[in-house]
Amino acid sequence: MDIRMPEMDGLEATRRILAAPAGRDCRIIMLTTFDLDQYVYAALTAGASGFLLKDVSPEQLVAAVRMVRSGDALLAPSITRRLVERFAPGASARPAVHADLSDLTPRELEVLRLLARGLSNAELATELTLSEATVKTHVGRILTKLQIRDRVQAVVLAYETGLAGPGAPAGPLAPRGAG
């Protein structure tokens, strides 16, 4: 769904689709050139499951559709980074790691840290030398153990607990041993 469309904007269309009885099982991704915070908030409030910019690659778009279809939510990495920088406490004000994270294994903590940097399952699999199926299992266990519904909440929790912080690159990690 695009933000700006003729007849009715994408935000109103999203609200109407999801409010209809047949729309309960629908998932909507906003795909737009407008990454203004007001549109991101309005889209998520309207019930959109994702918000991507039109410069997304075809492969990333296909992966996003699959993620949202499976029940995940997502934001473009640049939007996630901007929102987290705005709402996460500064490095000096970071709280200690939340007790809920104590249920996670060291590998799950590593996956959560990378997830907070905006990595997709494919990127996580490459970085950790795992299969995508194994990464999906780790992400699912993280969501279950932390009692959160999606990746967006996992990212917010990672920042709120101090597990991740603003300024980290959004893409794959630099090779080990590099700068």
Protein backbone atom coordinates (compact mmCIF):
# COMPACT_ATOMS: atom_id res chain seq x y z
CA MET A 1 0.00 0.00 0.00
CA ASP A 2 1.32 3.45 -0.85
CA ILE A 3 0.81 6.48 1.39
CA ARG A 4 -0.38 8.75 -1.41
CA MET A 5 -2.91 7.36 -3.85
CA PRO A 6 -5.75 8.85 -5.88
CA GLU A 7 -9.25 8.80 -4.37
CA MET A 8 -8.11 7.71 -0.88
CA ASP A 9 -4.72 7.73 0.82
CA GLY A 10 -3.08 4.46 1.82
CA LEU A 11 -3.52 5.15 5.52
CA GLU A 12 -7.29 5.38 5.24
CA ALA A 13 -7.40 2.41 2.88
CA THR A 14 -5.39 0.40 5.42
CA ARG A 15 -7.78 1.36 8.23
CA ARG A 16 -10.81 0.38 6.17
CA ILE A 17 -9.38 -2.92 4.96
CA LEU A 18 -8.36 -4.01 8.45
CA ALA A 19 -11.66 -2.85 10.00
CA ALA A 20 -13.72 -4.96 7.60
CA PRO A 21 -14.64 -8.48 8.79
CA ALA A 22 -12.77 -10.01 5.85
CA GLY A 23 -9.72 -7.86 6.64
CA ARG A 24 -8.93 -9.45 10.00
CA ASP A 25 -6.45 -11.85 8.45
CA CYS A 26 -4.90 -9.27 6.10
CA ARG A 27 -1.39 -7.97 6.52
CA ILE A 28 -0.41 -4.67 4.93
CA ILE A 29 3.03 -3.30 4.14
CA MET A 30 3.31 0.39 3.38
CA LEU A 31 5.67 0.89 0.42
CA THR A 32 6.40 4.54 -0.14
CA THR A 33 8.95 7.23 -0.87
CA PHE A 34 7.80 9.18 2.18
CA ASP A 35 9.73 8.14 5.30
CA LEU A 36 8.43 10.96 7.47
CA ASP A 37 7.89 9.96 11.09
CA GLN A 38 4.27 11.11 10.95
CA TYR A 39 3.56 8.62 8.14
CA VAL A 40 5.36 5.80 9.93
CA TYR A 41 3.36 6.39 13.13
CA ALA A 42 0.09 6.80 11.24
CA ALA A 43 0.68 3.60 9.24
CA LEU A 44 1.48 1.54 12.33
CA THR A 45 -1.48 3.04 14.18
CA ALA A 46 -3.72 2.18 11.21
CA GLY A 47 -2.58 -1.42 11.60
CA ALA A 48 0.10 -1.81 8.92
CA SER A 49 2.50 -4.67 9.62
CA GLY A 50 5.40 -3.08 7.80
CA PHE A 51 6.79 0.14 6.42
CA LEU A 52 9.33 0.06 3.61
CA LEU A 53 10.77 2.65 1.29
CA LYS A 54 10.48 2.25 -2.47
CA ASP A 55 14.26 1.98 -2.83
CA VAL A 56 14.05 -1.54 -1.37
CA SER A 57 15.47 -4.24 -3.64
CA PRO A 58 13.09 -6.75 -5.23
CA GLU A 59 14.65 -9.51 -3.11
CA GLN A 60 14.14 -7.50 0.09
CA LEU A 61 10.54 -6.80 -0.88
CA VAL A 62 9.83 -10.49 -1.47
CA ALA A 63 11.45 -11.33 1.88
CA ALA A 64 9.38 -8.62 3.58
CA VAL A 65 6.14 -9.98 2.15
CA ARG A 66 7.05 -13.45 3.38
CA MET A 67 7.97 -12.13 6.84
CA VAL A 68 4.73 -10.19 7.22
CA ARG A 69 2.68 -13.11 5.88
CA SER A 70 4.20 -15.31 8.59
CA GLY A 71 3.14 -12.85 11.30
CA ASP A 72 6.27 -10.73 11.71
CA ALA A 73 6.33 -6.95 11.49
CA LEU A 74 9.10 -4.86 10.00
CA LEU A 75 10.33 -1.36 9.36
CA ALA A 76 12.92 -0.17 6.89
CA PRO A 77 16.31 -0.27 8.67
CA SER A 78 16.79 3.50 8.29
CA ILE A 79 13.43 4.11 9.97
CA THR A 80 14.16 1.62 12.76
CA ARG A 81 17.51 3.28 13.41
CA ARG A 82 15.97 6.78 13.47
CA LEU A 83 13.15 5.78 15.81
CA VAL A 84 15.46 3.93 18.15
CA GLU A 85 17.90 6.84 18.29
CA ARG A 86 15.04 9.12 19.20
CA PHE A 87 13.49 6.91 21.87
CA ALA A 88 16.35 4.82 23.24
CA PRO A 89 18.24 6.25 26.20
CA GLY A 90 21.71 7.61 25.54
CA ALA A 91 24.73 5.41 26.19
CA SER A 92 25.37 7.00 29.59
CA ALA A 93 21.74 6.59 30.65
CA ARG A 94 21.38 2.99 29.52
CA PRO A 95 19.76 0.73 32.08
CA ALA A 96 21.28 -2.58 33.03
CA VAL A 97 20.24 -5.58 30.99
CA HIS A 98 16.64 -6.46 31.88
CA ALA A 99 16.04 -9.61 33.90
CA ASP A 100 13.84 -11.05 31.11
CA LEU A 101 16.94 -11.39 28.95
CA SER A 102 18.42 -13.82 31.45
CA ASP A 103 16.22 -16.54 29.93
CA LEU A 104 17.99 -16.19 26.59
CA THR A 105 20.94 -18.38 25.63
CA PRO A 106 24.21 -16.69 24.58
CA ARG A 107 23.35 -17.48 20.92
CA GLU A 108 19.87 -15.97 21.31
CA LEU A 109 21.41 -12.82 22.81
CA GLU A 110 23.75 -12.63 19.82
CA VAL A 111 20.81 -13.05 17.43
CA LEU A 112 18.86 -10.34 19.28
CA ARG A 113 21.82 -7.92 19.11
CA LEU A 114 22.07 -8.42 15.35
CA LEU A 115 18.30 -8.26 14.95
CA ALA A 116 18.40 -4.87 16.69
CA ARG A 117 20.80 -3.68 14.00
CA GLY A 118 18.16 -4.36 11.36
CA LEU A 119 19.52 -7.58 9.88
CA SER A 120 17.09 -9.82 8.01
CA ASN A 121 16.95 -13.57 8.64
CA ALA A 122 19.10 -14.14 5.54
CA GLU A 123 21.69 -11.63 6.76
CA LEU A 124 21.63 -13.15 10.24
CA ALA A 125 22.16 -16.62 8.74
CA THR A 126 25.14 -15.38 6.73
CA GLU A 127 26.68 -13.50 9.65
CA LEU A 128 26.27 -16.39 12.10
CA THR A 129 27.01 -19.16 9.59
CA LEU A 130 23.62 -20.77 10.21
CA SER A 131 20.74 -21.82 8.01
CA GLU A 132 17.79 -19.46 7.69
CA ALA A 133 15.61 -22.14 9.31
CA THR A 134 17.88 -22.14 12.38
CA VAL A 135 17.77 -18.34 12.52
CA LYS A 136 13.95 -18.44 12.35
CA THR A 137 13.96 -20.92 15.22
CA HIS A 138 16.19 -18.62 17.31
CA VAL A 139 14.01 -15.58 16.53
CA GLY A 140 10.86 -17.52 17.40
CA ARG A 141 12.35 -18.64 20.72
CA ILE A 142 13.42 -15.08 21.52
CA LEU A 143 9.90 -13.78 20.87
CA THR A 144 8.37 -16.57 22.96
CA LYS A 145 10.78 -16.24 25.88
CA LEU A 146 10.42 -12.45 25.99
CA GLN A 147 6.65 -12.67 25.45
CA ILE A 148 6.68 -10.19 22.59
CA ARG A 149 4.76 -10.41 19.33
CA ASP A 150 7.22 -9.36 16.63
CA ARG A 151 10.69 -8.23 15.55
CA VAL A 152 9.88 -4.55 16.04
CA GLN A 153 9.14 -5.15 19.72
CA ALA A 154 12.34 -7.21 19.97
CA VAL A 155 14.37 -4.31 18.58
CA VAL A 156 12.78 -1.85 21.00
CA LEU A 157 13.42 -4.21 23.93
CA ALA A 158 17.05 -4.68 22.88
CA TYR A 159 17.56 -0.93 22.99
CA GLU A 160 15.55 -0.37 26.16
CA THR A 161 17.59 -3.00 28.01
CA GLY A 162 20.95 -1.71 26.79
CA LEU A 163 21.68 -4.85 24.77
CA ALA A 164 21.94 -2.65 21.67
CA GLY A 165 22.55 1.04 21.25
CA PRO A 166 22.21 3.85 18.74
CA GLY A 167 24.93 4.36 16.17
CA ALA A 168 25.50 0.72 15.26
CA PRO A 169 25.42 0.11 11.51
CA ALA A 170 22.17 -1.31 10.16
CA GLY A 171 23.64 -3.72 7.64
CA PRO A 172 25.75 -6.84 8.04
CA LEU A 173 28.66 -6.64 10.40
CA ALA A 174 32.15 -5.82 9.26
CA PRO A 175 34.35 -8.91 8.88
CA ARG A 176 35.84 -10.10 12.13
CA GLY A 177 39.18 -8.49 12.80
CA ALA A 178 38.35 -5.46 10.61
CA GLY A 179 38.70 -1.93 12.00
